PDB file of N, CA and C in Angstrom:
ATOM      1  N   MET A   1       1.376 -11.944  -6.667  1.00  0.00           N
ATOM      2  CA  MET A   1       1.981 -11.008  -7.586  1.00  0.00           C
ATOM      3  C   MET A   1       2.771  -9.970  -6.799  1.00  0.00           C
ATOM      4  N   LYS A   2       3.822  -9.498  -7.419  1.00  0.00           N
ATOM      5  CA  LYS A   2       4.669  -8.483  -6.805  1.00  0.00           C
ATOM      6  C   LYS A   2       4.497  -7.174  -7.581  1.00  0.00           C
ATOM      7  N   TYR A   3       4.311  -6.102  -6.873  1.00  0.00           N
ATOM      8  CA  TYR A   3       4.113  -4.799  -7.493  1.00  0.00           C
ATOM      9  C   TYR A   3       5.286  -3.890  -7.166  1.00  0.00           C
ATOM     10  N   LYS A   4       5.503  -2.905  -8.023  1.00  0.00           N
ATOM     11  CA  LYS A   4       6.560  -1.928  -7.775  1.00  0.00           C
ATOM     12  C   LYS A   4       5.926  -0.554  -7.620  1.00  0.00           C
ATOM     13  N   ILE A   5       6.399   0.158  -6.615  1.00  0.00           N
ATOM     14  CA  ILE A   5       5.951   1.522  -6.380  1.00  0.00           C
ATOM     15  C   ILE A   5       6.681   2.429  -7.361  1.00  0.00           C
ATOM     16  N   ARG A   6       5.988   3.384  -7.933  1.00  0.00           N
ATOM     17  CA  ARG A   6       6.638   4.329  -8.849  1.00  0.00           C
ATOM     18  C   ARG A   6       7.808   5.015  -8.150  1.00  0.00           C
ATOM     19  N   LYS A   7       8.902   5.171  -8.845  1.00  0.00           N
ATOM     20  CA  LYS A   7      10.112   5.750  -8.266  1.00  0.00           C
ATOM     21  C   LYS A   7      10.055   7.264  -8.117  1.00  0.00           C
ATOM     22  N   ASP A   8       9.178   7.927  -8.852  1.00  0.00           N
ATOM     23  CA  ASP A   8       9.128   9.385  -8.791  1.00  0.00           C
ATOM     24  C   ASP A   8       8.273   9.922  -7.641  1.00  0.00           C
ATOM     25  N   LEU A   9       7.641   9.051  -6.887  1.00  0.00           N
ATOM     26  CA  LEU A   9       6.801   9.485  -5.774  1.00  0.00           C
ATOM     27  C   LEU A   9       7.666   9.945  -4.605  1.00  0.00           C
ATOM     28  N   ILE A  10       7.205  10.963  -3.927  1.00  0.00           N
ATOM     29  CA  ILE A  10       7.892  11.439  -2.728  1.00  0.00           C
ATOM     30  C   ILE A  10       7.051  10.980  -1.545  1.00  0.00           C
ATOM     31  N   ILE A  11       7.645  10.134  -0.721  1.00  0.00           N
ATOM     32  CA  ILE A  11       6.917   9.484   0.366  1.00  0.00           C
ATOM     33  C   ILE A  11       7.452   9.972   1.701  1.00  0.00           C
ATOM     34  N   SER A  12       6.538  10.398   2.583  1.00  0.00           N
ATOM     35  CA  SER A  12       6.964  10.829   3.913  1.00  0.00           C
ATOM     36  C   SER A  12       6.023  10.257   4.965  1.00  0.00           C
ATOM     37  N   LYS A  13       6.571  10.112   6.167  1.00  0.00           N
ATOM     38  CA  LYS A  13       5.769   9.681   7.306  1.00  0.00           C
ATOM     39  C   LYS A  13       5.606  10.872   8.226  1.00  0.00           C
ATOM     40  N   ASN A  14       4.377  11.082   8.653  1.00  0.00           N
ATOM     41  CA  ASN A  14       4.083  12.187   9.552  1.00  0.00           C
ATOM     42  C   ASN A  14       3.129  11.688  10.618  1.00  0.00           C
ATOM     43  N   GLN A  15       3.582  11.622  11.852  1.00  0.00           N
ATOM     44  CA  GLN A  15       2.784  11.152  12.979  1.00  0.00           C
ATOM     45  C   GLN A  15       2.203   9.765  12.717  1.00  0.00           C
ATOM     46  N   GLY A  16       3.040   8.887  12.169  1.00  0.00           N
ATOM     47  CA  GLY A  16       2.627   7.514  11.931  1.00  0.00           C
ATOM     48  C   GLY A  16       1.830   7.283  10.662  1.00  0.00           C
ATOM     49  N   LYS A  17       1.481   8.339   9.951  1.00  0.00           N
ATOM     50  CA  LYS A  17       0.727   8.198   8.709  1.00  0.00           C
ATOM     51  C   LYS A  17       1.652   8.468   7.531  1.00  0.00           C
ATOM     52  N   ILE A  18       1.369   7.787   6.445  1.00  0.00           N
ATOM     53  CA  ILE A  18       2.167   7.965   5.237  1.00  0.00           C
ATOM     54  C   ILE A  18       1.462   8.935   4.311  1.00  0.00           C
ATOM     55  N   GLN A  19       2.248   9.871   3.781  1.00  0.00           N
ATOM     56  CA  GLN A  19       1.748  10.796   2.782  1.00  0.00           C
ATOM     57  C   GLN A  19       2.587  10.632   1.531  1.00  0.00           C
ATOM     58  N   ILE A  20       1.910  10.645   0.394  1.00  0.00           N
ATOM     59  CA  ILE A  20       2.580  10.448  -0.881  1.00  0.00           C
ATOM     60  C   ILE A  20       2.330  11.675  -1.743  1.00  0.00           C
ATOM     61  N   PHE A  21       3.424  12.269  -2.218  1.00  0.00           N
ATOM     62  CA  PHE A  21       3.307  13.381  -3.158  1.00  0.00           C
ATOM     63  C   PHE A  21       3.500  12.817  -4.555  1.00  0.00           C
ATOM     64  N   VAL A  22       2.515  13.065  -5.420  1.00  0.00           N
ATOM     65  CA  VAL A  22       2.550  12.593  -6.804  1.00  0.00           C
ATOM     66  C   VAL A  22       2.933  13.785  -7.684  1.00  0.00           C
ATOM     67  N   PRO A  23       4.199  13.870  -8.109  1.00  0.00           N
ATOM     68  CA  PRO A  23       4.698  15.060  -8.801  1.00  0.00           C
ATOM     69  C   PRO A  23       3.979  15.411 -10.100  1.00  0.00           C
ATOM     70  N   ASP A  24       3.643  14.420 -10.905  1.00  0.00           N
ATOM     71  CA  ASP A  24       3.022  14.735 -12.195  1.00  0.00           C
ATOM     72  C   ASP A  24       1.596  15.267 -12.054  1.00  0.00           C
ATOM     73  N   ARG A  25       1.001  15.107 -10.878  1.00  0.00           N
ATOM     74  CA  ARG A  25      -0.349  15.634 -10.635  1.00  0.00           C
ATOM     75  C   ARG A  25      -0.372  16.690  -9.534  1.00  0.00           C
ATOM     76  N   SER A  26       0.793  16.962  -8.952  1.00  0.00           N
ATOM     77  CA  SER A  26       0.884  17.888  -7.812  1.00  0.00           C
ATOM     78  C   SER A  26      -0.176  17.563  -6.772  1.00  0.00           C
ATOM     79  N   GLU A  27      -0.248  16.302  -6.414  1.00  0.00           N
ATOM     80  CA  GLU A  27      -1.281  15.800  -5.507  1.00  0.00           C
ATOM     81  C   GLU A  27      -0.630  15.124  -4.310  1.00  0.00           C
ATOM     82  N   ILE A  28      -1.244  15.294  -3.141  1.00  0.00           N
ATOM     83  CA  ILE A  28      -0.798  14.608  -1.933  1.00  0.00           C
ATOM     84  C   ILE A  28      -1.876  13.607  -1.536  1.00  0.00           C
ATOM     85  N   ILE A  29      -1.452  12.374  -1.320  1.00  0.00           N
ATOM     86  CA  ILE A  29      -2.369  11.305  -0.912  1.00  0.00           C
ATOM     87  C   ILE A  29      -1.966  10.847   0.480  1.00  0.00           C
ATOM     88  N   SER A  30      -2.916  10.838   1.396  1.00  0.00           N
ATOM     89  CA  SER A  30      -2.661  10.378   2.763  1.00  0.00           C
ATOM     90  C   SER A  30      -3.248   8.979   2.929  1.00  0.00           C
ATOM     91  N   LEU A  31      -2.467   8.095   3.524  1.00  0.00           N
ATOM     92  CA  LEU A  31      -2.905   6.723   3.725  1.00  0.00           C
ATOM     93  C   LEU A  31      -3.252   6.482   5.187  1.00  0.00           C
ATOM     94  N   ASN A  32      -4.306   5.711   5.427  1.00  0.00           N
ATOM     95  CA  ASN A  32      -4.618   5.334   6.800  1.00  0.00           C
ATOM     96  C   ASN A  32      -3.627   4.263   7.255  1.00  0.00           C
ATOM     97  N   GLU A  33      -3.760   3.801   8.470  1.00  0.00           N
ATOM     98  CA  GLU A  33      -2.786   2.865   9.040  1.00  0.00           C
ATOM     99  C   GLU A  33      -2.659   1.577   8.226  1.00  0.00           C
ATOM    100  N   THR A  34      -3.786   0.975   7.871  1.00  0.00           N
ATOM    101  CA  THR A  34      -3.750  -0.282   7.131  1.00  0.00           C
ATOM    102  C   THR A  34      -3.164  -0.085   5.740  1.00  0.00           C
ATOM    103  N   ALA A  35      -3.612   0.943   5.048  1.00  0.00           N
ATOM    104  CA  ALA A  35      -3.073   1.227   3.714  1.00  0.00           C
ATOM    105  C   ALA A  35      -1.581   1.527   3.791  1.00  0.00           C
ATOM    106  N   GLY A  36      -1.177   2.255   4.814  1.00  0.00           N
ATOM    107  CA  GLY A  36       0.237   2.555   5.002  1.00  0.00           C
ATOM    108  C   GLY A  36       1.057   1.297   5.229  1.00  0.00           C
ATOM    109  N   PHE A  37       0.519   0.380   6.009  1.00  0.00           N
ATOM    110  CA  PHE A  37       1.195  -0.896   6.262  1.00  0.00           C
ATOM    111  C   PHE A  37       1.376  -1.672   4.956  1.00  0.00           C
ATOM    112  N   ILE A  38       0.314  -1.769   4.175  1.00  0.00           N
ATOM    113  CA  ILE A  38       0.383  -2.489   2.899  1.00  0.00           C
ATOM    114  C   ILE A  38       1.382  -1.812   1.965  1.00  0.00           C
ATOM    115  N   PHE A  39       1.313  -0.500   1.889  1.00  0.00           N
ATOM    116  CA  PHE A  39       2.199   0.266   1.012  1.00  0.00           C
ATOM    117  C   PHE A  39       3.661   0.035   1.391  1.00  0.00           C
ATOM    118  N   GLU A  40       3.955   0.052   2.682  1.00  0.00           N
ATOM    119  CA  GLU A  40       5.325  -0.190   3.152  1.00  0.00           C
ATOM    120  C   GLU A  40       5.794  -1.595   2.784  1.00  0.00           C
ATOM    121  N   ARG A  41       4.909  -2.569   2.920  1.00  0.00           N
ATOM    122  CA  ARG A  41       5.269  -3.945   2.564  1.00  0.00           C
ATOM    123  C   ARG A  41       5.538  -4.050   1.063  1.00  0.00           C
ATOM    124  N   MET A  42       4.747  -3.357   0.263  1.00  0.00           N
ATOM    125  CA  MET A  42       4.962  -3.362  -1.183  1.00  0.00           C
ATOM    126  C   MET A  42       6.302  -2.706  -1.531  1.00  0.00           C
ATOM    127  N   LYS A  43       6.612  -1.621  -0.826  1.00  0.00           N
ATOM    128  CA  LYS A  43       7.891  -0.943  -1.050  1.00  0.00           C
ATOM    129  C   LYS A  43       9.063  -1.873  -0.768  1.00  0.00           C
ATOM    130  N   LYS A  44       8.892  -2.748   0.209  1.00  0.00           N
ATOM    131  CA  LYS A  44       9.953  -3.686   0.577  1.00  0.00           C
ATOM    132  C   LYS A  44      10.014  -4.871  -0.379  1.00  0.00           C
ATOM    133  N   GLY A  45       9.061  -4.950  -1.300  1.00  0.00           N
ATOM    134  CA  GLY A  45       9.083  -6.010  -2.303  1.00  0.00           C
ATOM    135  C   GLY A  45       8.313  -7.259  -1.935  1.00  0.00           C
ATOM    136  N   ASP A  46       7.469  -7.189  -0.905  1.00  0.00           N
ATOM    137  CA  ASP A  46       6.684  -8.357  -0.504  1.00  0.00           C
ATOM    138  C   ASP A  46       5.639  -8.707  -1.569  1.00  0.00           C
ATOM    139  N   TYR A  47       5.386  -9.992  -1.708  1.00  0.00           N
ATOM    140  CA  TYR A  47       4.336 -10.496  -2.586  1.00  0.00           C
ATOM    141  C   TYR A  47       3.002 -10.446  -1.850  1.00  0.00           C
ATOM    142  N   GLU A  48       1.913 -10.566  -2.606  1.00  0.00           N
ATOM    143  CA  GLU A  48       0.576 -10.495  -2.016  1.00  0.00           C
ATOM    144  C   GLU A  48       0.377 -11.509  -0.891  1.00  0.00           C
ATOM    145  N   LYS A  49       0.824 -12.746  -1.099  1.00  0.00           N
ATOM    146  CA  LYS A  49       0.617 -13.782  -0.078  1.00  0.00           C
ATOM    147  C   LYS A  49       1.315 -13.418   1.231  1.00  0.00           C
ATOM    148  N   LEU A  50       2.527 -12.888   1.136  1.00  0.00           N
ATOM    149  CA  LEU A  50       3.261 -12.507   2.342  1.00  0.00           C
ATOM    150  C   LEU A  50       2.601 -11.314   3.028  1.00  0.00           C
ATOM    151  N   ILE A  51       2.160 -10.353   2.247  1.00  0.00           N
ATOM    152  CA  ILE A  51       1.466  -9.191   2.817  1.00  0.00           C
ATOM    153  C   ILE A  51       0.205  -9.657   3.542  1.00  0.00           C
ATOM    154  N   THR A  52      -0.534 -10.581   2.931  1.00  0.00           N
ATOM    155  CA  THR A  52      -1.747 -11.122   3.547  1.00  0.00           C
ATOM    156  C   THR A  52      -1.422 -11.763   4.890  1.00  0.00           C
ATOM    157  N   LYS A  53      -0.382 -12.594   4.928  1.00  0.00           N
ATOM    158  CA  LYS A  53       0.015 -13.250   6.180  1.00  0.00           C
ATOM    159  C   LYS A  53       0.372 -12.218   7.254  1.00  0.00           C
ATOM    160  N   LYS A  54       1.095 -11.184   6.851  1.00  0.00           N
ATOM    161  CA  LYS A  54       1.505 -10.167   7.820  1.00  0.00           C
ATOM    162  C   LYS A  54       0.316  -9.350   8.317  1.00  0.00           C
ATOM    163  N   MET A  55      -0.658  -9.121   7.440  1.00  0.00           N
ATOM    164  CA  MET A  55      -1.870  -8.405   7.851  1.00  0.00           C
ATOM    165  C   MET A  55      -2.659  -9.223   8.869  1.00  0.00           C
ATOM    166  N   ILE A  56      -2.773 -10.534   8.624  1.00  0.00           N
ATOM    167  CA  ILE A  56      -3.500 -11.421   9.544  1.00  0.00           C
ATOM    168  C   ILE A  56      -2.865 -11.356  10.927  1.00  0.00           C
ATOM    169  N   LYS A  57      -1.556 -11.424  10.954  1.00  0.00           N
ATOM    170  CA  LYS A  57      -0.841 -11.395  12.230  1.00  0.00           C
ATOM    171  C   LYS A  57      -0.959 -10.031  12.921  1.00  0.00           C
ATOM    172  N   LYS A  58      -0.726  -8.958  12.167  1.00  0.00           N
ATOM    173  CA  LYS A  58      -0.714  -7.611  12.754  1.00  0.00           C
ATOM    174  C   LYS A  58      -2.099  -7.168  13.234  1.00  0.00           C
ATOM    175  N   TYR A  59      -3.111  -7.403  12.416  1.00  0.00           N
ATOM    176  CA  TYR A  59      -4.450  -6.881  12.718  1.00  0.00           C
ATOM    177  C   TYR A  59      -5.398  -7.934  13.296  1.00  0.00           C
ATOM    178  N   GLN A  60      -4.920  -9.172  13.433  1.00  0.00           N
ATOM    179  CA  GLN A  60      -5.726 -10.268  13.985  1.00  0.00           C
ATOM    180  C   GLN A  60      -7.070 -10.393  13.264  1.00  0.00           C
ATOM    181  N   ILE A  61      -6.969 -10.477  11.937  1.00  0.00           N
ATOM    182  CA  ILE A  61      -8.153 -10.640  11.103  1.00  0.00           C
ATOM    183  C   ILE A  61      -8.038 -11.984  10.386  1.00  0.00           C
ATOM    184  N   ASN A  62      -9.147 -12.418   9.788  1.00  0.00           N
ATOM    185  CA  ASN A  62      -9.103 -13.693   9.069  1.00  0.00           C
ATOM    186  C   ASN A  62      -8.531 -13.490   7.660  1.00  0.00           C
ATOM    187  N   LYS A  63      -8.205 -14.603   7.040  1.00  0.00           N
ATOM    188  CA  LYS A  63      -7.558 -14.563   5.716  1.00  0.00           C
ATOM    189  C   LYS A  63      -8.435 -13.875   4.675  1.00  0.00           C
ATOM    190  N   LYS A  64      -9.715 -14.168   4.690  1.00  0.00           N
ATOM    191  CA  LYS A  64     -10.634 -13.579   3.706  1.00  0.00           C
ATOM    192  C   LYS A  64     -10.664 -12.055   3.832  1.00  0.00           C
ATOM    193  N   GLN A  65     -10.721 -11.555   5.049  1.00  0.00           N
ATOM    194  CA  GLN A  65     -10.753 -10.104   5.269  1.00  0.00           C
ATOM    195  C   GLN A  65      -9.442  -9.463   4.797  1.00  0.00           C
ATOM    196  N   ALA A  66      -8.327 -10.099   5.110  1.00  0.00           N
ATOM    197  CA  ALA A  66      -7.020  -9.576   4.698  1.00  0.00           C
ATOM    198  C   ALA A  66      -6.913  -9.526   3.177  1.00  0.00           C
ATOM    199  N   GLU A  67      -7.345 -10.598   2.520  1.00  0.00           N
ATOM    200  CA  GLU A  67      -7.293 -10.639   1.051  1.00  0.00           C
ATOM    201  C   GLU A  67      -8.202  -9.584   0.433  1.00  0.00           C
ATOM    202  N   THR A  68      -9.383  -9.414   1.000  1.00  0.00           N
ATOM    203  CA  THR A  68     -10.332  -8.413   0.496  1.00  0.00           C
ATOM    204  C   THR A  68      -9.751  -7.010   0.640  1.00  0.00           C
ATOM    205  N   ASP A  69      -9.212  -6.701   1.814  1.00  0.00           N
ATOM    206  CA  ASP A  69      -8.629  -5.376   2.051  1.00  0.00           C
ATOM    207  C   ASP A  69      -7.450  -5.129   1.122  1.00  0.00           C
ATOM    208  N   LEU A  70      -6.609  -6.129   0.951  1.00  0.00           N
ATOM    209  CA  LEU A  70      -5.435  -5.988   0.091  1.00  0.00           C
ATOM    210  C   LEU A  70      -5.850  -5.770  -1.361  1.00  0.00           C
ATOM    211  N   LYS A  71      -6.787  -6.554  -1.852  1.00  0.00           N
ATOM    212  CA  LYS A  71      -7.256  -6.402  -3.239  1.00  0.00           C
ATOM    213  C   LYS A  71      -7.873  -5.034  -3.470  1.00  0.00           C
ATOM    214  N   PHE A  72      -8.637  -4.547  -2.504  1.00  0.00           N
ATOM    215  CA  PHE A  72      -9.250  -3.225  -2.634  1.00  0.00           C
ATOM    216  C   PHE A  72      -8.168  -2.146  -2.730  1.00  0.00           C
ATOM    217  N   PHE A  73      -7.165  -2.234  -1.857  1.00  0.00           N
ATOM    218  CA  PHE A  73      -6.109  -1.233  -1.857  1.00  0.00           C
ATOM    219  C   PHE A  73      -5.297  -1.279  -3.155  1.00  0.00           C
ATOM    220  N   ILE A  74      -4.990  -2.477  -3.626  1.00  0.00           N
ATOM    221  CA  ILE A  74      -4.251  -2.610  -4.891  1.00  0.00           C
ATOM    222  C   ILE A  74      -5.059  -2.008  -6.039  1.00  0.00           C
ATOM    223  N   LYS A  75      -6.361  -2.238  -6.023  1.00  0.00           N
ATOM    224  CA  LYS A  75      -7.233  -1.656  -7.054  1.00  0.00           C
ATOM    225  C   LYS A  75      -7.142  -0.126  -7.029  1.00  0.00           C
ATOM    226  N   GLN A  76      -7.121   0.449  -5.828  1.00  0.00           N
ATOM    227  CA  GLN A  76      -7.013   1.900  -5.699  1.00  0.00           C
ATOM    228  C   GLN A  76      -5.650   2.397  -6.203  1.00  0.00           C
ATOM    229  N   LEU A  77      -4.599   1.653  -5.900  1.00  0.00           N
ATOM    230  CA  LEU A  77      -3.256   2.045  -6.360  1.00  0.00           C
ATOM    231  C   LEU A  77      -3.160   1.991  -7.874  1.00  0.00           C
ATOM    232  N   LYS A  78      -3.779   0.978  -8.474  1.00  0.00           N
ATOM    233  CA  LYS A  78      -3.793   0.886  -9.932  1.00  0.00           C
ATOM    234  C   LYS A  78      -4.585   2.038 -10.546  1.00  0.00           C
ATOM    235  N   LYS A  79      -5.731   2.304  -9.938  1.00  0.00           N
ATOM    236  CA  LYS A  79      -6.613   3.358 -10.434  1.00  0.00           C
ATOM    237  C   LYS A  79      -5.934   4.731 -10.402  1.00  0.00           C
ATOM    238  N   THR A  80      -5.139   4.962  -9.358  1.00  0.00           N
ATOM    239  CA  THR A  80      -4.461   6.252  -9.231  1.00  0.00           C
ATOM    240  C   THR A  80      -3.063   6.224  -9.839  1.00  0.00           C
ATOM    241  N   ASN A  81      -2.707   5.095 -10.471  1.00  0.00           N
ATOM    242  CA  ASN A  81      -1.440   4.968 -11.189  1.00  0.00           C
ATOM    243  C   ASN A  81      -0.215   5.154 -10.275  1.00  0.00           C
ATOM    244  N   LEU A  82      -0.278   4.566  -9.082  1.00  0.00           N
ATOM    245  CA  LEU A  82       0.849   4.685  -8.144  1.00  0.00           C
ATOM    246  C   LEU A  82       1.758   3.467  -8.141  1.00  0.00           C
ATOM    247  N   ILE A  83       1.319   2.387  -8.801  1.00  0.00           N
ATOM    248  CA  ILE A  83       2.157   1.192  -8.846  1.00  0.00           C
ATOM    249  C   ILE A  83       2.356   0.745 -10.294  1.00  0.00           C
ATOM    250  N   ILE A  84       3.433   0.010 -10.468  1.00  0.00           N
ATOM    251  CA  ILE A  84       3.754  -0.584 -11.765  1.00  0.00           C
ATOM    252  C   ILE A  84       3.567  -2.083 -11.594  1.00  0.00           C
ATOM    253  N   TYR A  85       2.879  -2.716 -12.498  1.00  0.00           N
ATOM    254  CA  TYR A  85       2.631  -4.149 -12.375  1.00  0.00           C
ATOM    255  C   TYR A  85       2.788  -4.830 -13.708  1.00  0.00           C
TER     256      TYR A  85
END
């Protein structure tokens, strides 16, 4: 599945970490390295399968771990209403 990042979010990188300002909640969300990587791939329009492959390569993890991490992060993005699906 392909997800879209909300267009009203203000996204910045600071010392390698991604911070997201959510205007309707006046909230700042900081992402760790893995979450930032996934978020960037989603911004570029990558599908889940491609993101999984890139995670396996980048972090040298197995497919199951990559899928689990990706699903958890997507669940968090849905819960906080940061993506459109």
